[in-house]
Amino acid sequence: MQHHDADINGIRMHYVTHGTGEPILFLHGFPEYWGVWKKHLAELGKDYRVIAPDLRGYNLSSKPQEVEQYHIDLLVRDVLGLVEHLGLKKLTLVCQDWGALLGWSFLLRHPEYVCRFVTINITHPVLFNRELRENPRQQQASQYMLAFRTPQAETMITADDFAWPKNAVIGSYKANGAKFSDEDVDEWVRAWKQPGAITCALNYYRAAKMGPPDGQGNPGGSNLLEGLKPEQFQVRIPVLFIHGEQDFYLLADGHRGLEEYVPDLTFRRIPDGAHGVAMERPELVTRYIREFLRSR
């Protein structure tokens, strides 16, 4: 795999490429880095040109500290800048967690670049906002978002040498079948320990004003759809939705009504997969992606 850096949209972005052929762009989530896709890159890179960046604020990419530097418009422009830097005209976008919220946001704003879209566990932002505002079950599952927006969040995550993410992220993924080498764990921890990285990661939630109602007059939801017209919510390309049915953070309730926005929709449900299904069941997830690429 080849490592690169590029000056894009006012930041220095680190990204990894592998293979040749039709391009696939992978977007990671919170609190991750490009390496969550290693197994998928190795396999799909046999037949495709695969690209995985460290998103703004993460790992080896630039880390502006101001909350406003993580507004969705800037994040989308980062993706657009990388696509243009690589000279891509059409691509398949594969994404999970916060990367999928960004992926949907890019797709709705720049559909001309995306020929296929793969989302792991994250529903359309219109429906995600609905669930955060109206569904008590999703509101309860999303209380962590309010915690992430508080000034105490950095201390919660970094305390005792990053005990919380070691347990809640790596530990929970391992408990559900993910295989991490010692080198993998070291890379994750090094990414978290990059100066300012945790604040930057939390600023995604703060800038998006994302979460359930906060009890102080905020009705919940996010500003991810800011500036979009309702007709832009419609997706006119094939979409693969991979759902780990044991994901207790992102509930299946959010799938209700998805066909209204995505007519060409393929679901692949993984009954024993959870929030980290891409790492827990990488071979199966890669197989579903490959089948989707071949069929569409």
Protein backbone atom coordinates (compact mmCIF):
# COMPACT_ATOMS: atom_id res chain seq x y z
CA MET A 1 0.00 0.00 0.00
CA GLN A 2 1.24 3.47 -0.90
CA HIS A 3 1.06 6.46 1.48
CA HIS A 4 0.55 9.98 0.16
CA ASP A 5 -0.03 13.54 1.35
CA ALA A 6 -1.78 16.31 -0.55
CA ASP A 7 -2.66 19.95 0.13
CA ILE A 8 -6.45 20.00 -0.14
CA ASN A 9 -8.99 22.64 0.91
CA GLY A 10 -6.57 24.38 3.24
CA ILE A 11 -5.35 21.24 5.01
CA ARG A 12 -2.72 18.56 4.47
CA MET A 13 -4.51 15.25 3.90
CA HIS A 14 -2.86 11.87 4.33
CA TYR A 15 -4.28 9.00 2.29
CA VAL A 16 -3.42 5.46 1.26
CA THR A 17 -3.86 3.86 -2.16
CA HIS A 18 -3.58 0.32 -3.45
CA GLY A 19 -4.28 -1.49 -6.70
CA THR A 20 -5.41 -0.28 -10.11
CA GLY A 21 -8.69 -0.05 -11.98
CA GLU A 22 -12.06 1.43 -11.16
CA PRO A 23 -11.74 3.67 -8.06
CA ILE A 24 -13.30 2.98 -4.66
CA LEU A 25 -13.03 5.64 -1.95
CA PHE A 26 -13.32 4.53 1.71
CA LEU A 27 -14.27 6.96 4.52
CA HIS A 28 -13.64 5.96 8.15
CA GLY A 29 -15.61 6.90 11.24
CA PHE A 30 -15.09 7.99 14.87
CA PRO A 31 -12.60 7.54 16.50
CA GLU A 32 -10.84 5.71 13.67
CA TYR A 33 -8.25 6.26 10.95
CA TRP A 34 -7.59 4.94 7.44
CA GLY A 35 -6.36 1.59 8.80
CA VAL A 36 -9.84 0.33 9.71
CA TRP A 37 -10.12 -0.57 6.01
CA LYS A 38 -6.81 -2.50 5.72
CA LYS A 39 -8.36 -5.91 5.04
CA HIS A 40 -10.87 -4.49 2.57
CA LEU A 41 -8.15 -2.54 0.76
CA ALA A 42 -5.94 -5.62 0.49
CA GLU A 43 -8.73 -7.74 -0.99
CA LEU A 44 -10.51 -5.23 -3.22
CA GLY A 45 -7.17 -3.77 -4.30
CA LYS A 46 -6.65 -6.95 -6.32
CA ASP A 47 -9.20 -5.68 -8.86
CA TYR A 48 -9.84 -2.02 -8.08
CA ARG A 49 -8.01 1.20 -7.28
CA VAL A 50 -8.77 1.68 -3.57
CA ILE A 51 -8.22 4.93 -1.67
CA ALA A 52 -8.57 5.54 2.08
CA PRO A 53 -7.81 8.95 3.63
CA ASP A 54 -7.35 10.04 7.20
CA LEU A 55 -10.20 12.51 7.48
CA ARG A 56 -9.58 16.09 8.62
CA GLY A 57 -8.44 16.04 12.25
CA TYR A 58 -7.48 12.37 12.31
CA ASN A 59 -4.15 10.56 12.53
CA LEU A 60 -1.71 12.02 9.97
CA SER A 61 -4.00 14.65 8.41
CA SER A 62 -4.09 18.28 9.52
CA LYS A 63 -5.82 19.12 12.80
CA PRO A 64 -7.34 22.60 12.93
CA GLN A 65 -8.70 22.99 16.45
CA GLU A 66 -11.65 25.35 15.91
CA VAL A 67 -15.10 23.75 16.00
CA GLU A 68 -16.21 25.64 12.90
CA GLN A 69 -13.44 23.90 10.92
CA TYR A 70 -15.55 20.72 11.09
CA HIS A 71 -18.76 22.06 9.58
CA ILE A 72 -20.20 19.64 7.05
CA ASP A 73 -19.56 22.02 4.15
CA LEU A 74 -15.81 21.96 4.84
CA LEU A 75 -15.76 18.19 5.30
CA VAL A 76 -17.56 17.71 1.98
CA ARG A 77 -15.09 20.06 0.32
CA ASP A 78 -12.26 17.92 1.69
CA VAL A 79 -13.68 14.87 -0.09
CA LEU A 80 -14.28 16.87 -3.25
CA GLY A 81 -10.72 18.17 -3.11
CA LEU A 82 -9.30 14.67 -2.79
CA VAL A 83 -11.45 13.42 -5.66
CA GLU A 84 -10.27 16.28 -7.87
CA HIS A 85 -6.63 15.86 -6.75
CA LEU A 86 -6.78 12.21 -7.83
CA GLY A 87 -8.41 13.13 -11.14
CA LEU A 88 -11.45 10.92 -10.51
CA LYS A 89 -14.57 11.44 -12.62
CA LYS A 90 -16.69 8.65 -11.15
CA LEU A 91 -16.16 6.49 -8.08
CA THR A 92 -17.77 4.05 -5.69
CA LEU A 93 -18.00 5.42 -2.16
CA VAL A 94 -17.79 3.01 0.82
CA CYS A 95 -18.24 4.46 4.29
CA GLN A 96 -19.20 3.79 7.90
CA ASP A 97 -20.06 5.66 11.09
CA TRP A 98 -19.13 9.38 10.80
CA GLY A 99 -17.54 8.61 7.46
CA ALA A 100 -20.97 7.50 6.26
CA LEU A 101 -22.62 10.69 7.50
CA LEU A 102 -19.97 12.52 5.49
CA GLY A 103 -20.41 10.10 2.59
CA TRP A 104 -24.16 10.69 2.39
CA SER A 105 -23.53 14.44 2.65
CA PHE A 106 -21.06 14.31 -0.24
CA LEU A 107 -23.41 12.17 -2.33
CA LEU A 108 -26.35 14.56 -1.85
CA ARG A 109 -24.22 17.59 -2.76
CA HIS A 110 -22.10 16.07 -5.55
CA PRO A 111 -24.02 13.13 -7.03
CA GLU A 112 -22.24 13.59 -10.36
CA TYR A 113 -19.10 11.96 -8.92
CA VAL A 114 -20.65 8.85 -7.37
CA CYS A 115 -21.75 5.83 -9.41
CA ARG A 116 -22.41 3.50 -6.44
CA PHE A 117 -22.73 4.07 -2.72
CA VAL A 118 -22.10 1.63 0.13
CA THR A 119 -23.12 2.64 3.65
CA ILE A 120 -22.47 0.53 6.72
CA ASN A 121 -25.12 0.92 9.46
CA ILE A 122 -25.81 4.65 8.77
CA THR A 123 -29.11 5.63 7.20
CA HIS A 124 -29.94 8.66 5.03
CA PRO A 125 -29.44 11.93 6.98
CA VAL A 126 -33.11 12.88 6.58
CA LEU A 127 -34.09 9.69 8.37
CA PHE A 128 -31.28 9.93 10.92
CA ASN A 129 -32.45 13.42 11.86
CA ARG A 130 -36.01 12.11 12.14
CA GLU A 131 -34.93 9.34 14.49
CA LEU A 132 -32.91 11.68 16.69
CA ARG A 133 -35.87 14.06 16.96
CA GLU A 134 -38.78 11.64 17.22
CA ASN A 135 -37.74 8.12 18.25
CA PRO A 136 -37.23 7.60 22.00
CA ARG A 137 -35.27 4.38 21.36
CA GLN A 138 -32.75 6.10 19.08
CA GLN A 139 -32.64 9.10 21.38
CA GLN A 140 -31.63 6.84 24.27
CA ALA A 141 -29.05 5.07 22.11
CA SER A 142 -27.58 8.43 21.09
CA GLN A 143 -27.08 10.03 24.50
CA TYR A 144 -23.33 9.61 23.98
CA MET A 145 -23.53 12.35 21.32
CA LEU A 146 -24.53 14.90 23.94
CA ALA A 147 -21.67 13.71 26.14
CA PHE A 148 -19.23 14.09 23.23
CA ARG A 149 -20.28 17.73 22.81
CA THR A 150 -19.47 18.69 26.42
CA PRO A 151 -16.17 20.28 27.52
CA GLN A 152 -15.50 17.17 29.62
CA ALA A 153 -15.45 14.82 26.63
CA GLU A 154 -11.71 15.03 25.98
CA THR A 155 -10.91 14.01 29.55
CA MET A 156 -13.41 11.15 29.41
CA ILE A 157 -11.73 9.72 26.32
CA THR A 158 -8.07 10.28 27.21
CA ALA A 159 -8.22 9.31 30.91
CA ASP A 160 -6.11 6.37 32.10
CA ASP A 161 -4.18 6.18 28.84
CA PHE A 162 -7.26 6.11 26.63
CA ALA A 163 -9.01 3.42 28.66
CA TRP A 164 -12.47 4.31 27.33
CA PRO A 165 -11.76 3.90 23.58
CA LYS A 166 -9.53 0.89 24.21
CA ASN A 167 -12.51 -0.79 25.87
CA ALA A 168 -15.54 0.72 24.11
CA VAL A 169 -14.08 0.60 20.60
CA ILE A 170 -11.28 -1.95 20.26
CA GLY A 171 -12.47 -4.10 23.15
CA SER A 172 -16.08 -4.28 21.99
CA TYR A 173 -15.05 -5.05 18.40
CA LYS A 174 -12.75 -7.83 19.64
CA ALA A 175 -15.54 -9.24 21.80
CA ASN A 176 -17.68 -9.51 18.68
CA GLY A 177 -15.04 -11.30 16.62
CA ALA A 178 -12.73 -8.62 15.23
CA LYS A 179 -9.08 -9.65 14.90
CA PHE A 180 -6.55 -7.02 15.94
CA SER A 181 -2.81 -7.59 15.87
CA ASP A 182 -0.61 -5.85 18.41
CA GLU A 183 0.52 -3.61 15.55
CA ASP A 184 -3.09 -2.71 14.77
CA VAL A 185 -3.77 -1.69 18.37
CA ASP A 186 -0.55 0.33 18.49
CA GLU A 187 -1.56 2.18 15.31
CA TRP A 188 -5.00 3.04 16.71
CA VAL A 189 -3.49 4.35 19.95
CA ARG A 190 -0.84 6.36 18.09
CA ALA A 191 -3.62 7.94 16.02
CA TRP A 192 -5.49 8.93 19.19
CA LYS A 193 -2.31 10.33 20.73
CA GLN A 194 -1.56 12.68 17.83
CA PRO A 195 -1.62 16.20 19.33
CA GLY A 196 -5.15 17.60 19.20
CA ALA A 197 -6.65 14.53 17.52
CA ILE A 198 -9.32 13.78 20.14
CA THR A 199 -10.60 17.37 20.19
CA CYS A 200 -10.77 17.31 16.40
CA ALA A 201 -12.72 14.06 16.37
CA LEU A 202 -15.19 15.40 18.94
CA ASN A 203 -15.57 18.59 16.95
CA TYR A 204 -17.37 16.61 14.24
CA TYR A 205 -20.26 16.18 16.71
CA ARG A 206 -20.00 19.73 18.01
CA ALA A 207 -19.97 21.35 14.57
CA ALA A 208 -22.88 19.19 13.38
CA LYS A 209 -24.87 20.00 16.55
CA MET A 210 -25.76 16.33 16.40
CA GLY A 211 -27.71 14.43 19.00
CA PRO A 212 -31.09 13.82 20.61
CA PRO A 213 -33.01 16.66 22.31
CA ASP A 214 -30.77 18.20 24.96
CA GLY A 215 -33.46 19.33 27.40
CA GLN A 216 -32.54 22.98 26.77
CA GLY A 217 -34.80 23.68 23.83
CA ASN A 218 -32.78 21.96 21.09
CA PRO A 219 -35.14 19.53 19.31
CA GLY A 220 -32.32 17.19 18.25
CA GLY A 221 -31.07 16.09 14.86
CA SER A 222 -28.14 17.74 13.08
CA ASN A 223 -27.27 20.43 10.55
CA LEU A 224 -25.96 17.95 7.95
CA LEU A 225 -28.69 18.93 5.49
CA GLU A 226 -28.05 22.66 5.82
CA GLY A 227 -28.20 24.44 2.47
CA LEU A 228 -29.77 21.53 0.60
CA LYS A 229 -33.09 21.65 -1.23
CA PRO A 230 -35.59 18.79 -0.70
CA GLU A 231 -35.11 17.57 -4.27
CA GLN A 232 -31.43 16.98 -3.46
CA PHE A 233 -32.41 14.38 -0.88
CA GLN A 234 -33.26 11.91 -3.67
CA VAL A 235 -30.54 9.40 -4.56
CA ARG A 236 -30.58 8.15 -8.14
CA ILE A 237 -27.73 5.64 -8.06
CA PRO A 238 -27.50 2.08 -6.65
CA VAL A 239 -27.00 1.95 -2.89
CA LEU A 240 -25.85 -1.01 -0.79
CA PHE A 241 -26.80 -0.84 2.89
CA ILE A 242 -24.87 -3.28 5.09
CA HIS A 243 -26.39 -3.55 8.54
CA GLY A 244 -24.93 -5.28 11.58
CA GLU A 245 -28.14 -6.09 13.37
CA GLN A 246 -26.52 -6.03 16.83
CA ASP A 247 -25.55 -2.35 16.47
CA PHE A 248 -27.03 -0.81 19.62
CA TYR A 249 -26.03 2.74 18.60
CA LEU A 250 -27.66 2.83 15.16
CA LEU A 251 -31.06 1.18 15.24
CA ALA A 252 -32.92 -0.44 12.35
CA ASP A 253 -35.81 1.97 12.98
CA GLY A 254 -33.89 4.44 10.83
CA HIS A 255 -34.34 2.21 7.77
CA ARG A 256 -38.08 2.94 7.68
CA GLY A 257 -38.84 5.02 4.61
CA LEU A 258 -35.39 4.64 3.05
CA GLU A 259 -36.83 3.37 -0.25
CA GLU A 260 -38.60 6.71 -0.69
CA TYR A 261 -35.20 8.38 -1.00
CA VAL A 262 -33.24 5.48 -2.52
CA PRO A 263 -35.27 3.55 -5.12
CA ASP A 264 -32.32 1.32 -6.14
CA LEU A 265 -31.56 -0.13 -2.71
CA THR A 266 -29.88 -3.42 -1.77
CA PHE A 267 -29.87 -4.55 1.86
CA ARG A 268 -27.39 -7.04 3.33
CA ARG A 269 -28.15 -7.78 6.96
CA ILE A 270 -25.54 -9.45 9.18
CA PRO A 271 -27.41 -10.88 12.19
CA ASP A 272 -24.36 -11.26 14.43
CA GLY A 273 -22.64 -8.05 13.31
CA ALA A 274 -22.58 -4.95 15.49
CA HIS A 275 -21.39 -1.36 15.25
CA GLY A 276 -17.94 -2.44 14.05
CA VAL A 277 -19.21 -5.00 11.55
CA ALA A 278 -16.67 -3.94 8.90
CA MET A 279 -13.91 -5.06 11.28
CA GLU A 280 -15.85 -7.88 12.94
CA ARG A 281 -16.82 -9.57 9.64
CA PRO A 282 -14.37 -8.11 7.08
CA GLU A 283 -14.47 -11.06 4.68
CA LEU A 284 -18.27 -11.04 4.55
CA VAL A 285 -18.48 -7.26 4.20
CA THR A 286 -15.91 -7.35 1.39
CA ARG A 287 -17.82 -10.13 -0.34
CA TYR A 288 -21.05 -8.13 -0.20
CA ILE A 289 -19.26 -5.07 -1.61
CA ARG A 290 -17.69 -7.12 -4.41
CA GLU A 291 -21.04 -8.71 -5.30
CA PHE A 292 -22.67 -5.30 -5.37
CA LEU A 293 -19.96 -3.85 -7.61
CA ARG A 294 -20.35 -6.73 -10.06
CA SER A 295 -24.14 -6.59 -10.13
CA ARG A 296 -24.36 -2.80 -10.52
